[in-house]
Amino acid sequence: ISIPIDEQGQLIINYRVSAEDFHSQAMGYNLMALGLSDKANNQAS
């Protein structure tokens, strides 16, 4: 894999998606903790 960088070792970010596009792949810390806890206790969540 090759990643282009400039003289300062920086990548120019070539954005493909916006933050809103990650809506279905993001979760609040507290909600994920609750869901994982429910799962660990074999409870519906």
PDB file of all heavy atoms in Angstrom:
ATOM      1  N   ILE A   1       0.863  -1.172   0.000  1.00  0.00           N
ATOM      2  CA  ILE A   1       0.000   0.000   0.000  1.00  0.00           C
ATOM      3  C   ILE A   1       0.903   1.227   0.000  1.00  0.00           C
ATOM      4  O   ILE A   1       1.860   1.294   0.774  1.00  0.00           O
ATOM      5  CB  ILE A   1      -0.915   0.027   1.240  1.00  0.00           C
ATOM      6  CG1 ILE A   1      -1.911  -1.125   1.195  1.00  0.00           C
ATOM      7  CG2 ILE A   1      -1.650   1.356   1.343  1.00  0.00           C
ATOM      8  CD1 ILE A   1      -2.793  -1.210   2.431  1.00  0.00           C
ATOM      9  N   SER A   2       0.618   2.189  -0.856  1.00  0.00           N
ATOM     10  CA  SER A   2       1.401   3.420  -0.914  1.00  0.00           C
ATOM     11  C   SER A   2       0.505   4.601  -0.555  1.00  0.00           C
ATOM     12  O   SER A   2      -0.598   4.735  -1.087  1.00  0.00           O
ATOM     13  CB  SER A   2       1.999   3.625  -2.312  1.00  0.00           C
ATOM     14  OG  SER A   2       2.964   2.620  -2.589  1.00  0.00           O
ATOM     15  N   ILE A   3       0.996   5.449   0.331  1.00  0.00           N
ATOM     16  CA  ILE A   3       0.249   6.611   0.790  1.00  0.00           C
ATOM     17  C   ILE A   3       1.076   7.856   0.481  1.00  0.00           C
ATOM     18  O   ILE A   3       2.193   7.994   0.980  1.00  0.00           O
ATOM     19  CB  ILE A   3      -0.017   6.539   2.302  1.00  0.00           C
ATOM     20  CG1 ILE A   3      -0.709   5.219   2.665  1.00  0.00           C
ATOM     21  CG2 ILE A   3      -0.863   7.723   2.756  1.00  0.00           C
ATOM     22  CD1 ILE A   3      -0.821   4.992   4.168  1.00  0.00           C
ATOM     23  N   PRO A   4       0.581   8.772  -0.331  1.00  0.00           N
ATOM     24  CA  PRO A   4       1.369   9.966  -0.672  1.00  0.00           C
ATOM     25  C   PRO A   4       1.494  10.913   0.515  1.00  0.00           C
ATOM     26  O   PRO A   4       0.538  11.128   1.263  1.00  0.00           O
ATOM     27  CB  PRO A   4       0.555  10.609  -1.805  1.00  0.00           C
ATOM     28  CG  PRO A   4      -0.851  10.140  -1.578  1.00  0.00           C
ATOM     29  CD  PRO A   4      -0.733   8.751  -1.003  1.00  0.00           C
ATOM     30  N   ILE A   5       2.688  11.477   0.701  1.00  0.00           N
ATOM     31  CA  ILE A   5       2.924  12.465   1.758  1.00  0.00           C
ATOM     32  C   ILE A   5       3.752  13.617   1.196  1.00  0.00           C
ATOM     33  O   ILE A   5       4.474  13.453   0.210  1.00  0.00           O
ATOM     34  CB  ILE A   5       3.650  11.856   2.980  1.00  0.00           C
ATOM     35  CG1 ILE A   5       4.968  11.189   2.551  1.00  0.00           C
ATOM     36  CG2 ILE A   5       2.752  10.892   3.731  1.00  0.00           C
ATOM     37  CD1 ILE A   5       5.845  10.737   3.729  1.00  0.00           C
ATOM     38  N   ASP A   6       3.655  14.767   1.845  1.00  0.00           N
ATOM     39  CA  ASP A   6       4.433  15.921   1.413  1.00  0.00           C
ATOM     40  C   ASP A   6       5.767  15.987   2.163  1.00  0.00           C
ATOM     41  O   ASP A   6       6.139  15.048   2.881  1.00  0.00           O
ATOM     42  CB  ASP A   6       3.626  17.212   1.571  1.00  0.00           C
ATOM     43  CG  ASP A   6       3.280  17.519   3.034  1.00  0.00           C
ATOM     44  OD1 ASP A   6       3.880  16.901   3.944  1.00  0.00           O
ATOM     45  OD2 ASP A   6       2.411  18.379   3.266  1.00  0.00           O
ATOM     46  N   GLU A   7       6.459  17.103   2.029  1.00  0.00           N
ATOM     47  CA  GLU A   7       7.789  17.232   2.625  1.00  0.00           C
ATOM     48  C   GLU A   7       7.759  17.259   4.155  1.00  0.00           C
ATOM     49  O   GLU A   7       8.787  17.088   4.804  1.00  0.00           O
ATOM     50  CB  GLU A   7       8.474  18.515   2.109  1.00  0.00           C
ATOM     51  CG  GLU A   7       8.881  18.481   0.638  1.00  0.00           C
ATOM     52  CD  GLU A   7       7.701  18.694  -0.301  1.00  0.00           C
ATOM     53  OE1 GLU A   7       6.589  18.994   0.186  1.00  0.00           O
ATOM     54  OE2 GLU A   7       7.887  18.559  -1.522  1.00  0.00           O
ATOM     55  N   GLN A   8       6.580  17.489   4.734  1.00  0.00           N
ATOM     56  CA  GLN A   8       6.425  17.463   6.182  1.00  0.00           C
ATOM     57  C   GLN A   8       5.828  16.153   6.679  1.00  0.00           C
ATOM     58  O   GLN A   8       5.445  16.047   7.844  1.00  0.00           O
ATOM     59  CB  GLN A   8       5.551  18.634   6.633  1.00  0.00           C
ATOM     60  CG  GLN A   8       6.197  19.993   6.430  1.00  0.00           C
ATOM     61  CD  GLN A   8       5.290  21.116   6.898  1.00  0.00           C
ATOM     62  OE1 GLN A   8       4.270  21.429   6.285  1.00  0.00           O
ATOM     63  NE2 GLN A   8       5.653  21.719   8.016  1.00  0.00           N
ATOM     64  N   GLY A   9       5.784  15.164   5.790  1.00  0.00           N
ATOM     65  CA  GLY A   9       5.236  13.869   6.186  1.00  0.00           C
ATOM     66  C   GLY A   9       3.733  13.872   6.341  1.00  0.00           C
ATOM     67  O   GLY A   9       3.175  13.019   7.036  1.00  0.00           O
ATOM     68  N   GLN A  10       3.054  14.812   5.673  1.00  0.00           N
ATOM     69  CA  GLN A  10       1.613  14.952   5.822  1.00  0.00           C
ATOM     70  C   GLN A  10       0.857  14.381   4.629  1.00  0.00           C
ATOM     71  O   GLN A  10       1.311  14.482   3.487  1.00  0.00           O
ATOM     72  CB  GLN A  10       1.239  16.434   5.978  1.00  0.00           C
ATOM     73  CG  GLN A  10       1.885  17.095   7.177  1.00  0.00           C
ATOM     74  CD  GLN A  10       1.551  18.563   7.245  1.00  0.00           C
ATOM     75  OE1 GLN A  10       1.156  19.066   8.279  1.00  0.00           O
ATOM     76  NE2 GLN A  10       1.708  19.277   6.149  1.00  0.00           N
ATOM     77  N   LEU A  11      -0.290  13.824   4.904  1.00  0.00           N
ATOM     78  CA  LEU A  11      -1.222  13.370   3.876  1.00  0.00           C
ATOM     79  C   LEU A  11      -2.240  14.471   3.631  1.00  0.00           C
ATOM     80  O   LEU A  11      -2.824  15.014   4.577  1.00  0.00           O
ATOM     81  CB  LEU A  11      -1.941  12.100   4.347  1.00  0.00           C
ATOM     82  CG  LEU A  11      -3.162  11.658   3.519  1.00  0.00           C
ATOM     83  CD1 LEU A  11      -2.722  11.112   2.177  1.00  0.00           C
ATOM     84  CD2 LEU A  11      -3.969  10.620   4.281  1.00  0.00           C
ATOM     85  N   ILE A  12      -2.471  14.816   2.365  1.00  0.00           N
ATOM     86  CA  ILE A  12      -3.581  15.703   2.018  1.00  0.00           C
ATOM     87  C   ILE A  12      -4.843  14.841   2.025  1.00  0.00           C
ATOM     88  O   ILE A  12      -4.957  13.884   1.271  1.00  0.00           O
ATOM     89  CB  ILE A  12      -3.369  16.348   0.640  1.00  0.00           C
ATOM     90  CG1 ILE A  12      -2.096  17.203   0.647  1.00  0.00           C
ATOM     91  CG2 ILE A  12      -4.585  17.179   0.250  1.00  0.00           C
ATOM     92  CD1 ILE A  12      -1.743  17.784  -0.708  1.00  0.00           C
ATOM     93  N   ILE A  13      -5.773  15.172   2.899  1.00  0.00           N
ATOM     94  CA  ILE A  13      -6.937  14.309   3.095  1.00  0.00           C
ATOM     95  C   ILE A  13      -7.896  14.453   1.919  1.00  0.00           C
ATOM     96  O   ILE A  13      -8.335  15.551   1.584  1.00  0.00           O
ATOM     97  CB  ILE A  13      -7.671  14.647   4.404  1.00  0.00           C
ATOM     98  CG1 ILE A  13      -6.700  14.563   5.583  1.00  0.00           C
ATOM     99  CG2 ILE A  13      -8.839  13.697   4.617  1.00  0.00           C
ATOM    100  CD1 ILE A  13      -7.285  15.009   6.897  1.00  0.00           C
ATOM    101  N   ASN A  14      -8.215  13.328   1.313  1.00  0.00           N
ATOM    102  CA  ASN A  14      -9.130  13.280   0.172  1.00  0.00           C
ATOM    103  C   ASN A  14     -10.463  12.725   0.667  1.00  0.00           C
ATOM    104  O   ASN A  14     -10.734  11.535   0.566  1.00  0.00           O
ATOM    105  CB  ASN A  14      -8.522  12.397  -0.924  1.00  0.00           C
ATOM    106  CG  ASN A  14      -9.323  12.457  -2.213  1.00  0.00           C
ATOM    107  OD1 ASN A  14     -10.233  13.259  -2.353  1.00  0.00           O
ATOM    108  ND2 ASN A  14      -8.979  11.604  -3.144  1.00  0.00           N
ATOM    109  N   TYR A  15     -11.271  13.604   1.229  1.00  0.00           N
ATOM    110  CA  TYR A  15     -12.513  13.162   1.864  1.00  0.00           C
ATOM    111  C   TYR A  15     -13.441  12.476   0.859  1.00  0.00           C
ATOM    112  O   TYR A  15     -13.627  12.948  -0.256  1.00  0.00           O
ATOM    113  CB  TYR A  15     -13.242  14.358   2.487  1.00  0.00           C
ATOM    114  CG  TYR A  15     -12.596  14.878   3.740  1.00  0.00           C
ATOM    115  CD1 TYR A  15     -11.789  16.011   3.711  1.00  0.00           C
ATOM    116  CD2 TYR A  15     -12.785  14.241   4.956  1.00  0.00           C
ATOM    117  CE1 TYR A  15     -11.193  16.488   4.867  1.00  0.00           C
ATOM    118  CE2 TYR A  15     -12.182  14.705   6.108  1.00  0.00           C
ATOM    119  CZ  TYR A  15     -11.398  15.834   6.059  1.00  0.00           C
ATOM    120  OH  TYR A  15     -10.805  16.307   7.206  1.00  0.00           O
ATOM    121  N   ARG A  16     -14.024  11.367   1.302  1.00  0.00           N
ATOM    122  CA  ARG A  16     -14.982  10.623   0.485  1.00  0.00           C
ATOM    123  C   ARG A  16     -16.382  10.652   1.066  1.00  0.00           C
ATOM    124  O   ARG A  16     -17.355  10.499   0.339  1.00  0.00           O
ATOM    125  CB  ARG A  16     -14.528   9.161   0.348  1.00  0.00           C
ATOM    126  CG  ARG A  16     -13.234   8.987  -0.434  1.00  0.00           C
ATOM    127  CD  ARG A  16     -13.452   9.199  -1.914  1.00  0.00           C
ATOM    128  NE  ARG A  16     -12.221   9.048  -2.664  1.00  0.00           N
ATOM    129  CZ  ARG A  16     -12.163   8.994  -3.995  1.00  0.00           C
ATOM    130  NH1 ARG A  16     -13.255   9.093  -4.701  1.00  0.00           N
ATOM    131  NH2 ARG A  16     -11.006   8.878  -4.600  1.00  0.00           N
ATOM    132  N   VAL A  17     -16.479  10.782   2.377  1.00  0.00           N
ATOM    133  CA  VAL A  17     -17.784  10.786   3.040  1.00  0.00           C
ATOM    134  C   VAL A  17     -17.809  11.914   4.067  1.00  0.00           C
ATOM    135  O   VAL A  17     -16.773  12.438   4.457  1.00  0.00           O
ATOM    136  CB  VAL A  17     -18.087   9.437   3.739  1.00  0.00           C
ATOM    137  CG1 VAL A  17     -18.138   8.303   2.739  1.00  0.00           C
ATOM    138  CG2 VAL A  17     -17.056   9.140   4.815  1.00  0.00           C
ATOM    139  N   SER A  18     -19.000  12.277   4.499  1.00  0.00           N
ATOM    140  CA  SER A  18     -19.146  13.287   5.541  1.00  0.00           C
ATOM    141  C   SER A  18     -19.401  12.600   6.871  1.00  0.00           C
ATOM    142  O   SER A  18     -19.691  11.406   6.941  1.00  0.00           O
ATOM    143  CB  SER A  18     -20.313  14.217   5.209  1.00  0.00           C
ATOM    144  OG  SER A  18     -21.541  13.516   5.307  1.00  0.00           O
ATOM    145  N   ALA A  19     -19.310  13.376   7.942  1.00  0.00           N
ATOM    146  CA  ALA A  19     -19.545  12.813   9.272  1.00  0.00           C
ATOM    147  C   ALA A  19     -20.947  12.230   9.365  1.00  0.00           C
ATOM    148  O   ALA A  19     -21.171  11.190  10.000  1.00  0.00           O
ATOM    149  CB  ALA A  19     -19.343  13.900  10.327  1.00  0.00           C
ATOM    150  N   GLU A  20     -21.924  12.897   8.719  1.00  0.00           N
ATOM    151  CA  GLU A  20     -23.304  12.416   8.783  1.00  0.00           C
ATOM    152  C   GLU A  20     -23.464  11.040   8.146  1.00  0.00           C
ATOM    153  O   GLU A  20     -24.354  10.279   8.523  1.00  0.00           O
ATOM    154  CB  GLU A  20     -24.236  13.421   8.097  1.00  0.00           C
ATOM    155  CG  GLU A  20     -24.408  14.745   8.839  1.00  0.00           C
ATOM    156  CD  GLU A  20     -23.197  15.652   8.690  1.00  0.00           C
ATOM    157  OE1 GLU A  20     -22.375  15.410   7.774  1.00  0.00           O
ATOM    158  OE2 GLU A  20     -23.059  16.583   9.504  1.00  0.00           O
ATOM    159  N   ASP A  21     -22.605  10.705   7.190  1.00  0.00           N
ATOM    160  CA  ASP A  21     -22.713   9.405   6.518  1.00  0.00           C
ATOM    161  C   ASP A  21     -22.405   8.252   7.464  1.00  0.00           C
ATOM    162  O   ASP A  21     -22.765   7.107   7.186  1.00  0.00           O
ATOM    163  CB  ASP A  21     -21.751   9.344   5.321  1.00  0.00           C
ATOM    164  CG  ASP A  21     -22.109  10.345   4.242  1.00  0.00           C
ATOM    165  OD1 ASP A  21     -23.303  10.657   4.107  1.00  0.00           O
ATOM    166  OD2 ASP A  21     -21.198  10.824   3.544  1.00  0.00           O
ATOM    167  N   PHE A  22     -21.727   8.543   8.574  1.00  0.00           N
ATOM    168  CA  PHE A  22     -21.372   7.494   9.532  1.00  0.00           C
ATOM    169  C   PHE A  22     -22.463   7.263  10.575  1.00  0.00           C
ATOM    170  O   PHE A  22     -22.242   6.556  11.543  1.00  0.00           O
ATOM    171  CB  PHE A  22     -20.064   7.858  10.254  1.00  0.00           C
ATOM    172  CG  PHE A  22     -18.829   7.445   9.516  1.00  0.00           C
ATOM    173  CD1 PHE A  22     -18.161   8.332   8.697  1.00  0.00           C
ATOM    174  CD2 PHE A  22     -18.329   6.154   9.632  1.00  0.00           C
ATOM    175  CE1 PHE A  22     -17.028   7.963   8.012  1.00  0.00           C
ATOM    176  CE2 PHE A  22     -17.185   5.767   8.950  1.00  0.00           C
ATOM    177  CZ  PHE A  22     -16.534   6.670   8.137  1.00  0.00           C
ATOM    178  N   HIS A  23     -23.631   7.849  10.359  1.00  0.00           N
ATOM    179  CA  HIS A  23     -24.680   7.791  11.379  1.00  0.00           C
ATOM    180  C   HIS A  23     -24.979   6.360  11.820  1.00  0.00           C
ATOM    181  O   HIS A  23     -25.144   6.082  13.015  1.00  0.00           O
ATOM    182  CB  HIS A  23     -25.957   8.457  10.855  1.00  0.00           C
ATOM    183  CG  HIS A  23     -27.077   8.447  11.833  1.00  0.00           C
ATOM    184  ND1 HIS A  23     -27.101   9.250  12.963  1.00  0.00           N
ATOM    185  CD2 HIS A  23     -28.218   7.701  11.882  1.00  0.00           C
ATOM    186  CE1 HIS A  23     -28.205   9.009  13.651  1.00  0.00           C
ATOM    187  NE2 HIS A  23     -28.901   8.087  13.017  1.00  0.00           N
ATOM    188  N   SER A  24     -25.032   5.446  10.860  1.00  0.00           N
ATOM    189  CA  SER A  24     -25.381   4.062  11.205  1.00  0.00           C
ATOM    190  C   SER A  24     -24.198   3.282  11.767  1.00  0.00           C
ATOM    191  O   SER A  24     -24.362   2.149  12.211  1.00  0.00           O
ATOM    192  CB  SER A  24     -25.921   3.333   9.962  1.00  0.00           C
ATOM    193  OG  SER A  24     -24.930   3.263   8.955  1.00  0.00           O
ATOM    194  N   GLN A  25     -22.987   3.904  11.751  1.00  0.00           N
ATOM    195  CA  GLN A  25     -21.792   3.227  12.240  1.00  0.00           C
ATOM    196  C   GLN A  25     -21.172   3.963  13.421  1.00  0.00           C
ATOM    197  O   GLN A  25     -19.987   3.824  13.700  1.00  0.00           O
ATOM    198  CB  GLN A  25     -20.772   3.091  11.110  1.00  0.00           C
ATOM    199  CG  GLN A  25     -21.218   2.138  10.023  1.00  0.00           C
ATOM    200  CD  GLN A  25     -20.351   2.216   8.786  1.00  0.00           C
ATOM    201  OE1 GLN A  25     -20.851   2.243   7.676  1.00  0.00           O
ATOM    202  NE2 GLN A  25     -19.037   2.249   8.971  1.00  0.00           N
ATOM    203  N   ALA A  26     -21.992   4.765  14.086  1.00  0.00           N
ATOM    204  CA  ALA A  26     -21.516   5.498  15.253  1.00  0.00           C
ATOM    205  C   ALA A  26     -22.528   5.346  16.381  1.00  0.00           C
ATOM    206  O   ALA A  26     -23.721   5.173  16.140  1.00  0.00           O
ATOM    207  CB  ALA A  26     -21.328   6.973  14.916  1.00  0.00           C
ATOM    208  N   MET A  27     -22.037   5.398  17.613  1.00  0.00           N
ATOM    209  CA  MET A  27     -22.916   5.266  18.768  1.00  0.00           C
ATOM    210  C   MET A  27     -22.287   5.991  19.945  1.00  0.00           C
ATOM    211  O   MET A  27     -21.063   6.040  20.070  1.00  0.00           O
ATOM    212  CB  MET A  27     -23.130   3.792  19.111  1.00  0.00           C
ATOM    213  CG  MET A  27     -24.087   3.562  20.287  1.00  0.00           C
ATOM    214  SD  MET A  27     -24.411   1.802  20.588  1.00  0.00           S
ATOM    215  CE  MET A  27     -25.549   1.458  19.254  1.00  0.00           C
ATOM    216  N   GLY A  28     -23.145   6.556  20.778  1.00  0.00           N
ATOM    217  CA  GLY A  28     -22.666   7.188  21.984  1.00  0.00           C
ATOM    218  C   GLY A  28     -22.015   6.174  22.906  1.00  0.00           C
ATOM    219  O   GLY A  28     -22.435   5.013  22.990  1.00  0.00           O
ATOM    220  N   TYR A  29     -20.988   6.618  23.603  1.00  0.00           N
ATOM    221  CA  TYR A  29     -20.237   5.746  24.523  1.00  0.00           C
ATOM    222  C   TYR A  29     -21.168   5.082  25.530  1.00  0.00           C
ATOM    223  O   TYR A  29     -21.097   3.870  25.769  1.00  0.00           O
ATOM    224  CB  TYR A  29     -19.202   6.622  25.227  1.00  0.00           C
ATOM    225  CG  TYR A  29     -18.227   5.918  26.135  1.00  0.00           C
ATOM    226  CD1 TYR A  29     -16.955   5.610  25.694  1.00  0.00           C
ATOM    227  CD2 TYR A  29     -18.559   5.601  27.450  1.00  0.00           C
ATOM    228  CE1 TYR A  29     -16.032   4.997  26.529  1.00  0.00           C
ATOM    229  CE2 TYR A  29     -17.641   4.990  28.290  1.00  0.00           C
ATOM    230  CZ  TYR A  29     -16.387   4.695  27.825  1.00  0.00           C
ATOM    231  OH  TYR A  29     -15.484   4.083  28.658  1.00  0.00           O
ATOM    232  N   ASN A  30     -22.054   5.869  26.131  1.00  0.00           N
ATOM    233  CA  ASN A  30     -22.930   5.313  27.164  1.00  0.00           C
ATOM    234  C   ASN A  30     -23.912   4.306  26.589  1.00  0.00           C
ATOM    235  O   ASN A  30     -24.214   3.272  27.206  1.00  0.00           O
ATOM    236  CB  ASN A  30     -23.676   6.431  27.895  1.00  0.00           C
ATOM    237  CG  ASN A  30     -24.592   7.234  26.981  1.00  0.00           C
ATOM    238  OD1 ASN A  30     -24.303   7.412  25.790  1.00  0.00           O
ATOM    239  ND2 ASN A  30     -25.694   7.732  27.520  1.00  0.00           N
ATOM    240  N   LEU A  31     -24.424   4.561  25.373  1.00  0.00           N
ATOM    241  CA  LEU A  31     -25.395   3.640  24.770  1.00  0.00           C
ATOM    242  C   LEU A  31     -24.727   2.330  24.356  1.00  0.00           C
ATOM    243  O   LEU A  31     -25.309   1.251  24.511  1.00  0.00           O
ATOM    244  CB  LEU A  31     -26.066   4.302  23.574  1.00  0.00           C
ATOM    245  CG  LEU A  31     -26.905   5.540  23.889  1.00  0.00           C
ATOM    246  CD1 LEU A  31     -27.548   6.086  22.620  1.00  0.00           C
ATOM    247  CD2 LEU A  31     -27.976   5.221  24.935  1.00  0.00           C
ATOM    248  N   MET A  32     -23.499   2.425  23.823  1.00  0.00           N
ATOM    249  CA  MET A  32     -22.804   1.194  23.460  1.00  0.00           C
ATOM    250  C   MET A  32     -22.480   0.378  24.711  1.00  0.00           C
ATOM    251  O   MET A  32     -22.620  -0.853  24.711  1.00  0.00           O
ATOM    252  CB  MET A  32     -21.538   1.488  22.673  1.00  0.00           C
ATOM    253  CG  MET A  32     -20.783   0.221  22.272  1.00  0.00           C
ATOM    254  SD  MET A  32     -19.419   0.507  21.124  1.00  0.00           S
ATOM    255  CE  MET A  32     -20.314   0.641  19.576  1.00  0.00           C
ATOM    256  N   ALA A  33     -22.059   1.049  25.781  1.00  0.00           N
ATOM    257  CA  ALA A  33     -21.775   0.342  27.025  1.00  0.00           C
ATOM    258  C   ALA A  33     -23.027  -0.369  27.537  1.00  0.00           C
ATOM    259  O   ALA A  33     -22.968  -1.516  27.992  1.00  0.00           O
ATOM    260  CB  ALA A  33     -21.247   1.316  28.079  1.00  0.00           C
ATOM    261  N   LEU A  34     -24.182   0.319  27.439  1.00  0.00           N
ATOM    262  CA  LEU A  34     -25.442  -0.292  27.884  1.00  0.00           C
ATOM    263  C   LEU A  34     -25.782  -1.515  27.040  1.00  0.00           C
ATOM    264  O   LEU A  34     -26.154  -2.565  27.570  1.00  0.00           O
ATOM    265  CB  LEU A  34     -26.570   0.744  27.800  1.00  0.00           C
ATOM    266  CG  LEU A  34     -27.975   0.238  28.149  1.00  0.00           C
ATOM    267  CD1 LEU A  34     -28.033  -0.286  29.575  1.00  0.00           C
ATOM    268  CD2 LEU A  34     -29.007   1.358  27.950  1.00  0.00           C
ATOM    269  N   GLY A  35     -25.641  -1.378  25.716  1.00  0.00           N
ATOM    270  CA  GLY A  35     -25.940  -2.497  24.838  1.00  0.00           C
ATOM    271  C   GLY A  35     -25.021  -3.682  25.076  1.00  0.00           C
ATOM    272  O   GLY A  35     -25.461  -4.839  25.107  1.00  0.00           O
ATOM    273  N   LEU A  36     -23.722  -3.426  25.256  1.00  0.00           N
ATOM    274  CA  LEU A  36     -22.774  -4.508  25.511  1.00  0.00           C
ATOM    275  C   LEU A  36     -23.051  -5.172  26.857  1.00  0.00           C
ATOM    276  O   LEU A  36     -22.932  -6.402  26.998  1.00  0.00           O
ATOM    277  CB  LEU A  36     -21.341  -3.959  25.486  1.00  0.00           C
ATOM    278  CG  LEU A  36     -20.813  -3.497  24.122  1.00  0.00           C
ATOM    279  CD1 LEU A  36     -19.493  -2.745  24.286  1.00  0.00           C
ATOM    280  CD2 LEU A  36     -20.639  -4.672  23.175  1.00  0.00           C
ATOM    281  N   SER A  37     -23.440  -4.361  27.843  1.00  0.00           N
ATOM    282  CA  SER A  37     -23.764  -4.916  29.158  1.00  0.00           C
ATOM    283  C   SER A  37     -24.992  -5.809  29.082  1.00  0.00           C
ATOM    284  O   SER A  37     -25.022  -6.902  29.658  1.00  0.00           O
ATOM    285  CB  SER A  37     -23.987  -3.782  30.160  1.00  0.00           C
ATOM    286  OG  SER A  37     -24.340  -4.294  31.429  1.00  0.00           O
ATOM    287  N   ASP A  38     -26.016  -5.348  28.344  1.00  0.00           N
ATOM    288  CA  ASP A  38     -27.224  -6.161  28.175  1.00  0.00           C
ATOM    289  C   ASP A  38     -26.882  -7.490  27.500  1.00  0.00           C
ATOM    290  O   ASP A  38     -27.365  -8.559  27.886  1.00  0.00           O
ATOM    291  CB  ASP A  38     -28.259  -5.407  27.341  1.00  0.00           C
ATOM    292  CG  ASP A  38     -28.893  -4.243  28.101  1.00  0.00           C
ATOM    293  OD1 ASP A  38     -28.819  -4.251  29.349  1.00  0.00           O
ATOM    294  OD2 ASP A  38     -29.458  -3.348  27.455  1.00  0.00           O
ATOM    295  N   LYS A  39     -26.048  -7.407  26.482  1.00  0.00           N
ATOM    296  CA  LYS A  39     -25.668  -8.614  25.748  1.00  0.00           C
ATOM    297  C   LYS A  39     -24.897  -9.588  26.655  1.00  0.00           C
ATOM    298  O   LYS A  39     -25.133 -10.796  26.624  1.00  0.00           O
ATOM    299  CB  LYS A  39     -24.835  -8.263  24.529  1.00  0.00           C
ATOM    300  CG  LYS A  39     -24.501  -9.465  23.644  1.00  0.00           C
ATOM    301  CD  LYS A  39     -23.807  -9.024  22.360  1.00  0.00           C
ATOM    302  CE  LYS A  39     -23.526 -10.236  21.475  1.00  0.00           C
ATOM    303  NZ  LYS A  39     -22.856  -9.858  20.212  1.00  0.00           N
ATOM    304  N   ALA A  40     -23.988  -9.036  27.463  1.00  0.00           N
ATOM    305  CA  ALA A  40     -23.209  -9.882  28.368  1.00  0.00           C
ATOM    306  C   ALA A  40     -24.101 -10.580  29.386  1.00  0.00           C
ATOM    307  O   ALA A  40     -23.782 -11.693  29.837  1.00  0.00           O
ATOM    308  CB  ALA A  40     -22.148  -9.035  29.083  1.00  0.00           C
ATOM    309  N   ASN A  41     -25.224  -9.951  29.721  1.00  0.00           N
ATOM    310  CA  ASN A  41     -26.172 -10.530  30.695  1.00  0.00           C
ATOM    311  C   ASN A  41     -27.318 -11.269  30.031  1.00  0.00           C
ATOM    312  O   ASN A  41     -28.321 -11.576  30.698  1.00  0.00           O
ATOM    313  CB  ASN A  41     -26.709  -9.427  31.612  1.00  0.00           C
ATOM    314  CG  ASN A  41     -25.652  -8.853  32.508  1.00  0.00           C
ATOM    315  OD1 ASN A  41     -24.933  -9.587  33.187  1.00  0.00           O
ATOM    316  ND2 ASN A  41     -25.506  -7.521  32.530  1.00  0.00           N
ATOM    317  N   ASN A  42     -27.164 -11.525  28.699  1.00  0.00           N
ATOM    318  CA  ASN A  42     -28.195 -12.257  27.938  1.00  0.00           C
ATOM    319  C   ASN A  42     -29.565 -11.602  28.057  1.00  0.00           C
ATOM    320  O   ASN A  42     -30.603 -12.265  28.151  1.00  0.00           O
ATOM    321  CB  ASN A  42     -28.284 -13.721  28.423  1.00  0.00           C
ATOM    322  CG  ASN A  42     -27.011 -14.472  28.152  1.00  0.00           C
ATOM    323  OD1 ASN A  42     -26.442 -14.394  27.058  1.00  0.00           O
ATOM    324  ND2 ASN A  42     -26.521 -15.214  29.140  1.00  0.00           N
ATOM    325  N   GLN A  43     -29.551 -10.273  28.018  1.00  0.00           N
ATOM    326  CA  GLN A  43     -30.803  -9.524  28.070  1.00  0.00           C
ATOM    327  C   GLN A  43     -31.062  -8.847  26.717  1.00  0.00           C
ATOM    328  O   GLN A  43     -30.135  -8.456  26.008  1.00  0.00           O
ATOM    329  CB  GLN A  43     -30.728  -8.439  29.163  1.00  0.00           C
ATOM    330  CG  GLN A  43     -30.584  -9.004  30.563  1.00  0.00           C
ATOM    331  CD  GLN A  43     -30.441  -7.897  31.597  1.00  0.00           C
ATOM    332  OE1 GLN A  43     -30.423  -6.726  31.253  1.00  0.00           O
ATOM    333  NE2 GLN A  43     -30.349  -8.275  32.863  1.00  0.00           N
ATOM    334  N   ALA A  44     -32.363  -8.725  26.381  1.00  0.00           N
ATOM    335  CA  ALA A  44     -32.710  -7.975  25.184  1.00  0.00           C
ATOM    336  C   ALA A  44     -32.319  -6.520  25.367  1.00  0.00           C
ATOM    337  O   ALA A  44     -32.359  -5.989  26.486  1.00  0.00           O
ATOM    338  CB  ALA A  44     -34.217  -8.091  24.930  1.00  0.00           C
ATOM    339  N   SER A  45     -31.941  -5.871  24.281  1.00  0.00           N
ATOM    340  CA  SER A  45     -31.454  -4.500  24.393  1.00  0.00           C
ATOM    341  C   SER A  45     -31.917  -3.682  23.205  1.00  0.00           C
ATOM    342  O   SER A  45     -31.853  -4.139  22.059  1.00  0.00           O
ATOM    343  CB  SER A  45     -29.933  -4.470  24.474  1.00  0.00           C
ATOM    344  OG  SER A  45     -29.444  -3.152  24.530  1.00  0.00           O
TER     345      SER A  45
END
